[in-house]
């Protein structure tokens, strides 16, 4: 399964699963990233951290560790 960490700039992806647990999963969901939501990848930093995305009409930056917990298709 592909994760947000592997996403390329310009892709629009749909979230299929969030694999984190506890407080980390809750924080990701509080940012608006839930199952079924579409995410547009705006930028990826040269070393891959952070990843800038657009979700639910606003821009958001995710760390590599957090992006790895979000499975997409």
Protein backbone atom coordinates (compact mmCIF):
# COMPACT_ATOMS: atom_id res chain seq x y z
CA UNK A 1 0.00 0.00 0.00
CA UNK A 2 1.29 3.47 -0.92
CA UNK A 3 1.84 6.06 1.83
CA UNK A 4 1.89 9.87 1.77
CA UNK A 5 5.66 9.70 2.23
CA UNK A 6 5.95 8.18 -1.27
CA UNK A 7 3.65 10.76 -2.92
CA UNK A 8 4.92 12.94 -5.75
CA UNK A 9 4.30 16.66 -6.25
CA UNK A 10 1.07 17.35 -8.15
CA UNK A 11 -0.68 14.10 -7.22
CA UNK A 12 -4.21 14.05 -5.85
CA UNK A 13 -4.66 11.06 -3.56
CA UNK A 14 -7.47 9.56 -1.51
CA UNK A 15 -6.82 8.45 2.09
CA UNK A 16 -7.59 4.76 2.64
CA UNK A 17 -6.25 4.21 6.17
CA UNK A 18 -4.38 5.89 9.02
CA UNK A 19 -2.04 3.38 10.66
CA UNK A 20 -0.91 5.41 13.69
CA UNK A 21 -2.20 4.74 17.18
CA UNK A 22 -3.26 6.79 20.18
CA UNK A 23 -2.42 10.48 20.34
CA UNK A 24 -0.60 10.50 16.99
CA UNK A 25 -3.60 9.11 15.11
CA UNK A 26 -5.93 11.55 16.91
CA UNK A 27 -3.68 14.52 15.97
CA UNK A 28 -3.65 13.50 12.30
CA UNK A 29 -7.43 13.14 12.30
CA UNK A 30 -7.85 16.50 14.08
CA UNK A 31 -5.96 18.12 11.19
CA UNK A 32 -8.74 16.95 8.85
CA UNK A 33 -7.03 13.90 7.41
CA UNK A 34 -9.64 11.15 7.66
CA UNK A 35 -10.52 8.06 5.61
CA UNK A 36 -11.92 8.99 2.20
CA UNK A 37 -10.69 12.60 2.08
CA UNK A 38 -8.77 13.78 -1.01
CA UNK A 39 -5.30 15.25 -0.57
CA UNK A 40 -3.34 17.29 -3.13
CA UNK A 41 0.46 17.20 -2.77
CA UNK A 42 1.74 20.77 -3.22
CA UNK A 43 5.44 20.52 -2.35
CA UNK A 44 7.98 18.08 -1.01
CA UNK A 45 11.13 19.46 0.62
CA UNK A 46 14.45 18.43 -0.98
CA UNK A 47 15.19 15.88 1.74
CA UNK A 48 11.55 14.73 1.89
CA UNK A 49 10.67 16.44 5.18
CA UNK A 50 8.17 18.13 5.39
CA UNK A 51 5.49 17.38 2.80
CA UNK A 52 3.13 20.28 2.06
CA UNK A 53 -0.42 19.25 1.16
CA UNK A 54 -3.83 20.78 0.57
CA UNK A 55 -6.65 19.08 2.47
CA UNK A 56 -10.22 20.34 2.91
CA UNK A 57 -9.30 23.72 1.40
CA UNK A 58 -6.25 24.60 3.52
CA UNK A 59 -2.50 24.02 3.36
CA UNK A 60 -0.84 21.71 5.83
CA UNK A 61 2.75 20.54 6.36
CA UNK A 62 3.39 17.00 7.56
CA UNK A 63 6.55 15.47 8.95
CA UNK A 64 7.92 12.37 7.25
CA UNK A 65 7.01 10.20 10.24
CA UNK A 66 3.38 11.39 10.13
CA UNK A 67 3.13 11.09 6.33
CA UNK A 68 4.30 7.49 6.58
CA UNK A 69 1.24 6.63 8.74
CA UNK A 70 -1.25 7.76 6.06
CA UNK A 71 -2.04 5.13 3.44
CA UNK A 72 -3.39 6.44 0.13
CA UNK A 73 -4.46 5.26 -3.30
